[in-house]
PDB file of N, CA and C in Angstrom:
ATOM      1  N   MET A   1      68.443 -67.018-138.650  1.00  0.00           N
ATOM      2  CA  MET A   1      69.358 -67.162-137.508  1.00  0.00           C
ATOM      3  C   MET A   1      69.118 -68.715-137.095  1.00  0.00           C
ATOM      4  N   ALA A   2      70.357 -69.386-136.813  1.00  0.00           N
ATOM      5  CA  ALA A   2      70.236 -70.864-136.301  1.00  0.00           C
ATOM      6  C   ALA A   2      69.744 -71.090-135.100  1.00  0.00           C
ATOM      7  N   PRO A   3      69.133 -72.135-134.594  1.00  0.00           N
ATOM      8  CA  PRO A   3      68.733 -72.711-133.368  1.00  0.00           C
ATOM      9  C   PRO A   3      69.885 -72.682-132.528  1.00  0.00           C
ATOM     10  N   THR A   4      69.805 -72.620-131.244  1.00  0.00           N
ATOM     11  CA  THR A   4      70.812 -72.682-130.315  1.00  0.00           C
ATOM     12  C   THR A   4      70.726 -74.346-130.059  1.00  0.00           C
ATOM     13  N   GLU A   5      71.843 -74.845-129.197  1.00  0.00           N
ATOM     14  CA  GLU A   5      71.957 -76.224-129.009  1.00  0.00           C
ATOM     15  C   GLU A   5      71.008 -76.642-128.145  1.00  0.00           C
ATOM     16  N   GLU A   6      70.487 -75.435-127.028  1.00  0.00           N
ATOM     17  CA  GLU A   6      69.245 -75.848-126.316  1.00  0.00           C
ATOM     18  C   GLU A   6      68.033 -76.014-127.031  1.00  0.00           C
ATOM     19  N   GLN A   7      67.785 -75.259-128.026  1.00  0.00           N
ATOM     20  CA  GLN A   7      66.467 -75.114-128.867  1.00  0.00           C
ATOM     21  C   GLN A   7      66.549 -76.746-129.682  1.00  0.00           C
ATOM     22  N   VAL A   8      67.658 -76.958-130.098  1.00  0.00           N
ATOM     23  CA  VAL A   8      67.522 -78.463-130.885  1.00  0.00           C
ATOM     24  C   VAL A   8      67.404 -79.704-129.864  1.00  0.00           C
ATOM     25  N   GLN A   9      67.940 -79.433-128.744  1.00  0.00           N
ATOM     26  CA  GLN A   9      67.449 -80.432-127.864  1.00  0.00           C
ATOM     27  C   GLN A   9      66.085 -80.593-127.231  1.00  0.00           C
ATOM     28  N   GLU A  10      65.361 -79.161-127.236  1.00  0.00           N
ATOM     29  CA  GLU A  10      64.021 -79.149-127.011  1.00  0.00           C
ATOM     30  C   GLU A  10      63.269 -79.644-128.110  1.00  0.00           C
ATOM     31  N   LEU A  11      63.707 -79.357-129.400  1.00  0.00           N
ATOM     32  CA  LEU A  11      62.956 -80.208-130.554  1.00  0.00           C
ATOM     33  C   LEU A  11      62.931 -81.517-130.380  1.00  0.00           C
ATOM     34  N   LEU A  12      64.218 -82.113-130.105  1.00  0.00           N
ATOM     35  CA  LEU A  12      64.313 -83.705-130.102  1.00  0.00           C
ATOM     36  C   LEU A  12      63.500 -84.134-128.838  1.00  0.00           C
ATOM     37  N   LEU A  13      63.450 -83.467-127.752  1.00  0.00           N
ATOM     38  CA  LEU A  13      62.492 -83.844-126.635  1.00  0.00           C
ATOM     39  C   LEU A  13      60.944 -83.812-127.203  1.00  0.00           C
ATOM     40  N   SER A  14      60.753 -82.863-127.706  1.00  0.00           N
ATOM     41  CA  SER A  14      59.398 -82.435-128.555  1.00  0.00           C
ATOM     42  C   SER A  14      58.886 -83.998-129.329  1.00  0.00           C
ATOM     43  N   CYS A  15      60.052 -84.279-130.191  1.00  0.00           N
ATOM     44  CA  CYS A  15      59.735 -85.262-131.019  1.00  0.00           C
ATOM     45  C   CYS A  15      59.426 -86.545-130.014  1.00  0.00           C
ATOM     46  N   ARG A  16      60.331 -86.669-129.050  1.00  0.00           N
ATOM     47  CA  ARG A  16      60.074 -87.833-128.258  1.00  0.00           C
ATOM     48  C   ARG A  16      59.001 -88.086-127.631  1.00  0.00           C
ATOM     49  N   TYR A  17      58.292 -86.990-127.114  1.00  0.00           N
ATOM     50  CA  TYR A  17      57.194 -86.927-126.579  1.00  0.00           C
ATOM     51  C   TYR A  17      55.899 -86.959-127.245  1.00  0.00           C
ATOM     52  N   GLY A  18      56.003 -86.312-128.626  1.00  0.00           N
ATOM     53  CA  GLY A  18      55.129 -86.436-129.503  1.00  0.00           C
ATOM     54  C   GLY A  18      54.309 -85.106-129.319  1.00  0.00           C
ATOM     55  N   GLU A  19      55.121 -84.109-129.031  1.00  0.00           N
ATOM     56  CA  GLU A  19      54.564 -82.678-128.901  1.00  0.00           C
ATOM     57  C   GLU A  19      54.578 -81.869-130.208  1.00  0.00           C
ATOM     58  N   LEU A  20      53.557 -82.346-131.117  1.00  0.00           N
ATOM     59  CA  LEU A  20      53.665 -81.980-132.577  1.00  0.00           C
ATOM     60  C   LEU A  20      53.684 -80.442-132.904  1.00  0.00           C
ATOM     61  N   ASP A  21      52.782 -79.630-131.975  1.00  0.00           N
ATOM     62  CA  ASP A  21      52.656 -78.409-132.092  1.00  0.00           C
ATOM     63  C   ASP A  21      54.111 -77.765-131.962  1.00  0.00           C
ATOM     64  N   GLU A  22      54.998 -78.017-130.811  1.00  0.00           N
ATOM     65  CA  GLU A  22      56.175 -77.504-130.643  1.00  0.00           C
ATOM     66  C   GLU A  22      57.368 -77.863-131.945  1.00  0.00           C
ATOM     67  N   VAL A  23      57.211 -78.993-132.533  1.00  0.00           N
ATOM     68  CA  VAL A  23      57.884 -79.642-133.625  1.00  0.00           C
ATOM     69  C   VAL A  23      57.439 -78.582-134.704  1.00  0.00           C
ATOM     70  N   LYS A  24      56.327 -78.313-134.880  1.00  0.00           N
ATOM     71  CA  LYS A  24      55.862 -77.208-136.196  1.00  0.00           C
ATOM     72  C   LYS A  24      56.355 -75.937-135.854  1.00  0.00           C
ATOM     73  N   ALA A  25      56.268 -75.468-134.437  1.00  0.00           N
ATOM     74  CA  ALA A  25      56.881 -74.139-134.234  1.00  0.00           C
ATOM     75  C   ALA A  25      58.305 -74.047-134.635  1.00  0.00           C
ATOM     76  N   PHE A  26      59.058 -75.086-134.095  1.00  0.00           N
ATOM     77  CA  PHE A  26      60.381 -74.898-134.304  1.00  0.00           C
ATOM     78  C   PHE A  26      60.418 -75.123-135.984  1.00  0.00           C
ATOM     79  N   THR A  27      59.886 -75.830-137.013  1.00  0.00           N
ATOM     80  CA  THR A  27      59.821 -75.777-138.243  1.00  0.00           C
ATOM     81  C   THR A  27      59.803 -74.451-138.699  1.00  0.00           C
ATOM     82  N   ASP A  28      58.643 -73.787-138.247  1.00  0.00           N
ATOM     83  CA  ASP A  28      58.396 -72.461-138.837  1.00  0.00           C
ATOM     84  C   ASP A  28      59.375 -71.545-138.561  1.00  0.00           C
ATOM     85  N   GLU A  29      59.969 -71.438-137.288  1.00  0.00           N
ATOM     86  CA  GLU A  29      60.946 -70.590-137.164  1.00  0.00           C
ATOM     87  C   GLU A  29      62.243 -70.640-137.684  1.00  0.00           C
ATOM     88  N   PHE A  30      62.720 -71.921-137.694  1.00  0.00           N
ATOM     89  CA  PHE A  30      64.070 -72.120-138.190  1.00  0.00           C
ATOM     90  C   PHE A  30      64.164 -72.900-139.524  1.00  0.00           C
ATOM     91  N   GLY A  31      62.930 -73.637-140.093  1.00  0.00           N
ATOM     92  CA  GLY A  31      63.007 -74.229-141.492  1.00  0.00           C
ATOM     93  C   GLY A  31      63.454 -75.655-141.182  1.00  0.00           C
ATOM     94  N   TRP A  32      63.522 -76.310-142.451  1.00  0.00           N
ATOM     95  CA  TRP A  32      63.337 -77.795-142.672  1.00  0.00           C
ATOM     96  C   TRP A  32      64.985 -78.292-142.472  1.00  0.00           C
ATOM     97  N   GLU A  33      65.893 -77.334-142.881  1.00  0.00           N
ATOM     98  CA  GLU A  33      67.105 -77.705-142.834  1.00  0.00           C
ATOM     99  C   GLU A  33      67.771 -77.967-141.461  1.00  0.00           C
ATOM    100  N   ASP A  34      67.441 -77.091-140.610  1.00  0.00           N
ATOM    101  CA  ASP A  34      67.952 -77.091-139.279  1.00  0.00           C
ATOM    102  C   ASP A  34      66.943 -78.561-138.418  1.00  0.00           C
ATOM    103  N   VAL A  35      65.857 -78.676-139.004  1.00  0.00           N
ATOM    104  CA  VAL A  35      65.185 -79.752-138.486  1.00  0.00           C
ATOM    105  C   VAL A  35      65.863 -81.115-138.842  1.00  0.00           C
ATOM    106  N   ASN A  36      66.368 -81.235-140.203  1.00  0.00           N
ATOM    107  CA  ASN A  36      67.036 -82.283-140.778  1.00  0.00           C
ATOM    108  C   ASN A  36      68.531 -82.196-139.988  1.00  0.00           C
ATOM    109  N   LYS A  37      69.092 -81.422-139.698  1.00  0.00           N
ATOM    110  CA  LYS A  37      70.316 -81.399-139.148  1.00  0.00           C
ATOM    111  C   LYS A  37      70.242 -81.984-137.638  1.00  0.00           C
ATOM    112  N   ALA A  38      69.134 -81.681-137.025  1.00  0.00           N
ATOM    113  CA  ALA A  38      69.218 -81.966-135.600  1.00  0.00           C
ATOM    114  C   ALA A  38      69.444 -83.393-135.282  1.00  0.00           C
ATOM    115  N   ARG A  39      70.181 -83.601-134.261  1.00  0.00           N
ATOM    116  CA  ARG A  39      70.820 -84.862-133.693  1.00  0.00           C
ATOM    117  C   ARG A  39      70.812 -84.772-132.107  1.00  0.00           C
ATOM    118  N   ASP A  40      70.469 -86.161-131.376  1.00  0.00           N
ATOM    119  CA  ASP A  40      71.029 -86.107-130.066  1.00  0.00           C
ATOM    120  C   ASP A  40      72.465 -86.555-130.156  1.00  0.00           C
ATOM    121  N   ASP A  41      72.773 -86.836-128.613  1.00  0.00           N
ATOM    122  CA  ASP A  41      74.167 -87.317-128.474  1.00  0.00           C
ATOM    123  C   ASP A  41      74.515 -88.587-129.011  1.00  0.00           C
ATOM    124  N   ARG A  42      73.625 -89.348-129.482  1.00  0.00           N
ATOM    125  CA  ARG A  42      73.788 -90.829-129.997  1.00  0.00           C
ATOM    126  C   ARG A  42      73.704 -90.608-131.380  1.00  0.00           C
ATOM    127  N   GLY A  43      73.402 -89.281-132.059  1.00  0.00           N
ATOM    128  CA  GLY A  43      73.162 -89.421-133.683  1.00  0.00           C
ATOM    129  C   GLY A  43      71.749 -89.579-133.948  1.00  0.00           C
ATOM    130  N   ASN A  44      70.861 -89.693-132.979  1.00  0.00           N
ATOM    131  CA  ASN A  44      69.430 -89.964-133.551  1.00  0.00           C
ATOM    132  C   ASN A  44      68.723 -88.751-134.051  1.00  0.00           C
ATOM    133  N   THR A  45      67.867 -88.841-135.014  1.00  0.00           N
ATOM    134  CA  THR A  45      67.197 -87.950-135.638  1.00  0.00           C
ATOM    135  C   THR A  45      65.915 -87.435-135.187  1.00  0.00           C
ATOM    136  N   VAL A  46      65.039 -86.586-135.552  1.00  0.00           N
ATOM    137  CA  VAL A  46      64.006 -86.075-135.251  1.00  0.00           C
ATOM    138  C   VAL A  46      63.037 -87.383-135.716  1.00  0.00           C
ATOM    139  N   LEU A  47      63.106 -87.903-136.684  1.00  0.00           N
ATOM    140  CA  LEU A  47      62.260 -88.948-137.252  1.00  0.00           C
ATOM    141  C   LEU A  47      62.490 -90.167-136.419  1.00  0.00           C
ATOM    142  N   HIS A  48      63.578 -90.456-135.949  1.00  0.00           N
ATOM    143  CA  HIS A  48      64.042 -91.570-135.009  1.00  0.00           C
ATOM    144  C   HIS A  48      63.319 -91.358-133.767  1.00  0.00           C
ATOM    145  N   MET A  49      63.418 -90.170-133.261  1.00  0.00           N
ATOM    146  CA  MET A  49      62.632 -89.996-131.989  1.00  0.00           C
ATOM    147  C   MET A  49      61.153 -90.106-132.118  1.00  0.00           C
ATOM    148  N   ILE A  50      60.551 -89.594-133.044  1.00  0.00           N
ATOM    149  CA  ILE A  50      59.182 -89.715-133.255  1.00  0.00           C
ATOM    150  C   ILE A  50      58.806 -91.075-133.521  1.00  0.00           C
ATOM    151  N   CYS A  51      59.347 -91.900-134.347  1.00  0.00           N
ATOM    152  CA  CYS A  51      58.979 -92.973-134.585  1.00  0.00           C
ATOM    153  C   CYS A  51      59.185 -94.132-133.646  1.00  0.00           C
ATOM    154  N   ALA A  52      60.303 -93.995-132.918  1.00  0.00           N
ATOM    155  CA  ALA A  52      60.689 -95.041-131.842  1.00  0.00           C
ATOM    156  C   ALA A  52      59.693 -94.824-130.711  1.00  0.00           C
ATOM    157  N   ASN A  53      59.036 -93.833-130.459  1.00  0.00           N
ATOM    158  CA  ASN A  53      57.968 -93.660-129.460  1.00  0.00           C
ATOM    159  C   ASN A  53      56.712 -93.562-129.843  1.00  0.00           C
ATOM    160  N   GLY A  54      56.534 -94.088-131.117  1.00  0.00           N
ATOM    161  CA  GLY A  54      54.991 -94.534-131.597  1.00  0.00           C
ATOM    162  C   GLY A  54      54.304 -93.305-131.889  1.00  0.00           C
ATOM    163  N   HIS A  55      54.703 -92.112-132.173  1.00  0.00           N
ATOM    164  CA  HIS A  55      53.839 -91.128-132.585  1.00  0.00           C
ATOM    165  C   HIS A  55      53.725 -91.011-134.101  1.00  0.00           C
ATOM    166  N   LEU A  56      52.820 -91.586-134.459  1.00  0.00           N
ATOM    167  CA  LEU A  56      52.453 -91.848-136.006  1.00  0.00           C
ATOM    168  C   LEU A  56      52.151 -90.382-136.559  1.00  0.00           C
ATOM    169  N   GLY A  57      51.282 -89.522-135.806  1.00  0.00           N
ATOM    170  CA  GLY A  57      50.896 -88.164-136.439  1.00  0.00           C
ATOM    171  C   GLY A  57      52.251 -87.453-136.780  1.00  0.00           C
ATOM    172  N   GLY A  58      53.257 -87.418-135.727  1.00  0.00           N
ATOM    173  CA  GLY A  58      54.331 -86.657-136.063  1.00  0.00           C
ATOM    174  C   GLY A  58      55.379 -87.332-137.128  1.00  0.00           C
ATOM    175  N   CYS A  59      55.211 -88.718-137.327  1.00  0.00           N
ATOM    176  CA  CYS A  59      55.760 -89.276-138.135  1.00  0.00           C
ATOM    177  C   CYS A  59      55.278 -88.795-139.658  1.00  0.00           C
ATOM    178  N   ARG A  60      54.039 -88.806-139.764  1.00  0.00           N
ATOM    179  CA  ARG A  60      53.302 -88.444-140.965  1.00  0.00           C
ATOM    180  C   ARG A  60      53.674 -87.034-141.357  1.00  0.00           C
ATOM    181  N   PHE A  61      53.558 -86.104-140.530  1.00  0.00           N
ATOM    182  CA  PHE A  61      53.962 -84.711-140.533  1.00  0.00           C
ATOM    183  C   PHE A  61      55.477 -84.482-141.020  1.00  0.00           C
ATOM    184  N   LEU A  62      56.179 -85.165-140.478  1.00  0.00           N
ATOM    185  CA  LEU A  62      57.666 -85.252-140.923  1.00  0.00           C
ATOM    186  C   LEU A  62      57.837 -85.572-142.466  1.00  0.00           C
ATOM    187  N   LEU A  63      57.215 -86.699-142.634  1.00  0.00           N
ATOM    188  CA  LEU A  63      57.325 -87.275-143.949  1.00  0.00           C
ATOM    189  C   LEU A  63      56.664 -86.630-145.287  1.00  0.00           C
ATOM    190  N   ASP A  64      55.551 -86.257-144.833  1.00  0.00           N
ATOM    191  CA  ASP A  64      54.679 -85.316-145.696  1.00  0.00           C
ATOM    192  C   ASP A  64      55.023 -83.929-145.959  1.00  0.00           C
ATOM    193  N   GLN A  65      55.902 -83.204-144.821  1.00  0.00           N
ATOM    194  CA  GLN A  65      56.152 -81.926-145.132  1.00  0.00           C
ATOM    195  C   GLN A  65      57.543 -81.597-145.463  1.00  0.00           C
ATOM    196  N   THR A  66      58.630 -82.668-145.507  1.00  0.00           N
ATOM    197  CA  THR A  66      59.768 -82.294-145.828  1.00  0.00           C
ATOM    198  C   THR A  66      59.967 -82.330-147.359  1.00  0.00           C
ATOM    199  N   PRO A  67      60.458 -81.124-147.504  1.00  0.00           N
ATOM    200  CA  PRO A  67      60.703 -80.940-149.009  1.00  0.00           C
ATOM    201  C   PRO A  67      61.302 -81.890-149.804  1.00  0.00           C
ATOM    202  N   MET A  68      61.043 -82.384-151.034  1.00  0.00           N
ATOM    203  CA  MET A  68      61.754 -83.238-151.808  1.00  0.00           C
ATOM    204  C   MET A  68      63.069 -82.827-151.984  1.00  0.00           C
ATOM    205  N   SER A  69      63.415 -81.667-151.912  1.00  0.00           N
ATOM    206  CA  SER A  69      64.766 -81.279-152.403  1.00  0.00           C
ATOM    207  C   SER A  69      65.695 -81.496-151.061  1.00  0.00           C
ATOM    208  N   MET A  70      65.180 -81.606-149.973  1.00  0.00           N
ATOM    209  CA  MET A  70      65.932 -81.947-148.834  1.00  0.00           C
ATOM    210  C   MET A  70      66.538 -83.237-148.821  1.00  0.00           C
ATOM    211  N   PRO A  71      67.754 -83.434-148.230  1.00  0.00           N
ATOM    212  CA  PRO A  71      68.019 -84.767-148.103  1.00  0.00           C
ATOM    213  C   PRO A  71      66.986 -85.607-146.983  1.00  0.00           C
ATOM    214  N   ARG A  72      66.908 -86.741-147.328  1.00  0.00           N
ATOM    215  CA  ARG A  72      65.945 -87.622-146.475  1.00  0.00           C
ATOM    216  C   ARG A  72      66.599 -87.413-144.999  1.00  0.00           C
ATOM    217  N   PRO A  73      65.559 -87.192-144.280  1.00  0.00           N
ATOM    218  CA  PRO A  73      65.994 -86.761-142.821  1.00  0.00           C
ATOM    219  C   PRO A  73      66.714 -87.891-142.133  1.00  0.00           C
ATOM    220  N   ALA A  74      66.481 -89.117-142.158  1.00  0.00           N
ATOM    221  CA  ALA A  74      67.088 -90.099-141.319  1.00  0.00           C
ATOM    222  C   ALA A  74      67.257 -91.551-142.055  1.00  0.00           C
ATOM    223  N   TYR A  75      66.964 -91.623-143.319  1.00  0.00           N
ATOM    224  CA  TYR A  75      66.864 -92.761-143.812  1.00  0.00           C
ATOM    225  C   TYR A  75      68.185 -93.663-143.984  1.00  0.00           C
ATOM    226  N   SER A  76      69.495 -92.697-144.154  1.00  0.00           N
ATOM    227  CA  SER A  76      70.667 -93.598-144.346  1.00  0.00           C
ATOM    228  C   SER A  76      71.670 -93.165-143.402  1.00  0.00           C
ATOM    229  N   TRP A  77      71.095 -92.619-142.324  1.00  0.00           N
ATOM    230  CA  TRP A  77      71.835 -92.251-141.027  1.00  0.00           C
ATOM    231  C   TRP A  77      72.184 -93.332-140.158  1.00  0.00           C
ATOM    232  N   HIS A  78      73.467 -93.381-139.456  1.00  0.00           N
ATOM    233  CA  HIS A  78      73.890 -94.489-138.462  1.00  0.00           C
ATOM    234  C   HIS A  78      73.718 -93.538-137.324  1.00  0.00           C
ATOM    235  N   ASN A  79      73.350 -94.130-136.074  1.00  0.00           N
ATOM    236  CA  ASN A  79      73.412 -93.580-134.915  1.00  0.00           C
ATOM    237  C   ASN A  79      74.852 -93.820-134.247  1.00  0.00           C
ATOM    238  N   ALA A  80      75.018 -93.460-132.817  1.00  0.00           N
ATOM    239  CA  ALA A  80      76.053 -93.806-132.312  1.00  0.00           C
ATOM    240  C   ALA A  80      76.615 -95.240-132.212  1.00  0.00           C
ATOM    241  N   ARG A  81      75.605 -95.920-131.970  1.00  0.00           N
ATOM    242  CA  ARG A  81      75.659 -97.477-131.763  1.00  0.00           C
ATOM    243  C   ARG A  81      75.924 -98.321-133.213  1.00  0.00           C
ATOM    244  N   GLY A  82      76.070 -97.412-134.153  1.00  0.00           N
ATOM    245  CA  GLY A  82      76.325 -97.854-135.538  1.00  0.00           C
ATOM    246  C   GLY A  82      75.028 -98.411-136.246  1.00  0.00           C
ATOM    247  N   CYS A  83      74.021 -98.311-135.722  1.00  0.00           N
ATOM    248  CA  CYS A  83      72.610 -98.855-136.400  1.00  0.00           C
ATOM    249  C   CYS A  83      72.093 -97.978-137.210  1.00  0.00           C
ATOM    250  N   GLU A  84      71.567 -98.581-138.420  1.00  0.00           N
ATOM    251  CA  GLU A  84      71.099 -97.630-139.294  1.00  0.00           C
ATOM    252  C   GLU A  84      69.438 -97.394-138.564  1.00  0.00           C
ATOM    253  N   THR A  85      69.061 -96.142-138.602  1.00  0.00           N
ATOM    254  CA  THR A  85      67.946 -95.993-138.388  1.00  0.00           C
ATOM    255  C   THR A  85      66.698 -96.528-138.918  1.00  0.00           C
ATOM    256  N   THR A  86      66.898 -97.130-140.002  1.00  0.00           N
ATOM    257  CA  THR A  86      65.645 -97.754-140.642  1.00  0.00           C
ATOM    258  C   THR A  86      65.818 -99.209-140.323  1.00  0.00           C
ATOM    259  N   GLY A  87      66.780 -99.774-139.718  1.00  0.00           N
ATOM    260  CA  GLY A  87      66.792-101.300-139.487  1.00  0.00           C
ATOM    261  C   GLY A  87      66.733-101.746-138.047  1.00  0.00           C
ATOM    262  N   PRO A  88      66.851-102.939-137.781  1.00  0.00           N
ATOM    263  CA  PRO A  88      66.781-103.276-136.213  1.00  0.00           C
ATOM    264  C   PRO A  88      68.096-103.131-135.657  1.00  0.00           C
ATOM    265  N   CYS A  89      67.999-102.775-134.415  1.00  0.00           N
ATOM    266  CA  CYS A  89      69.170-102.531-133.614  1.00  0.00           C
ATOM    267  C   CYS A  89      69.145-103.119-132.250  1.00  0.00           C
TER     268      CYS A  89
END
């Protein structure tokens, strides 16, 4: 079963605030595909939310645990401002 929009928004907020246990719980319940699809209203990903707010442990978790067969979660996406998530904006 896919997560609701509310659950996706909760995931993004958990990433923003560094609540790694909540991120892990979402991943356990819904899987990596839904983590990778999660975007806020500006197109920012979970990796963006974690990194932009300085949560190194969360960043390591996402990068270490994301299956290699999944698309990279944020490396080539542009947010609503047209900024690459890996470059300055």
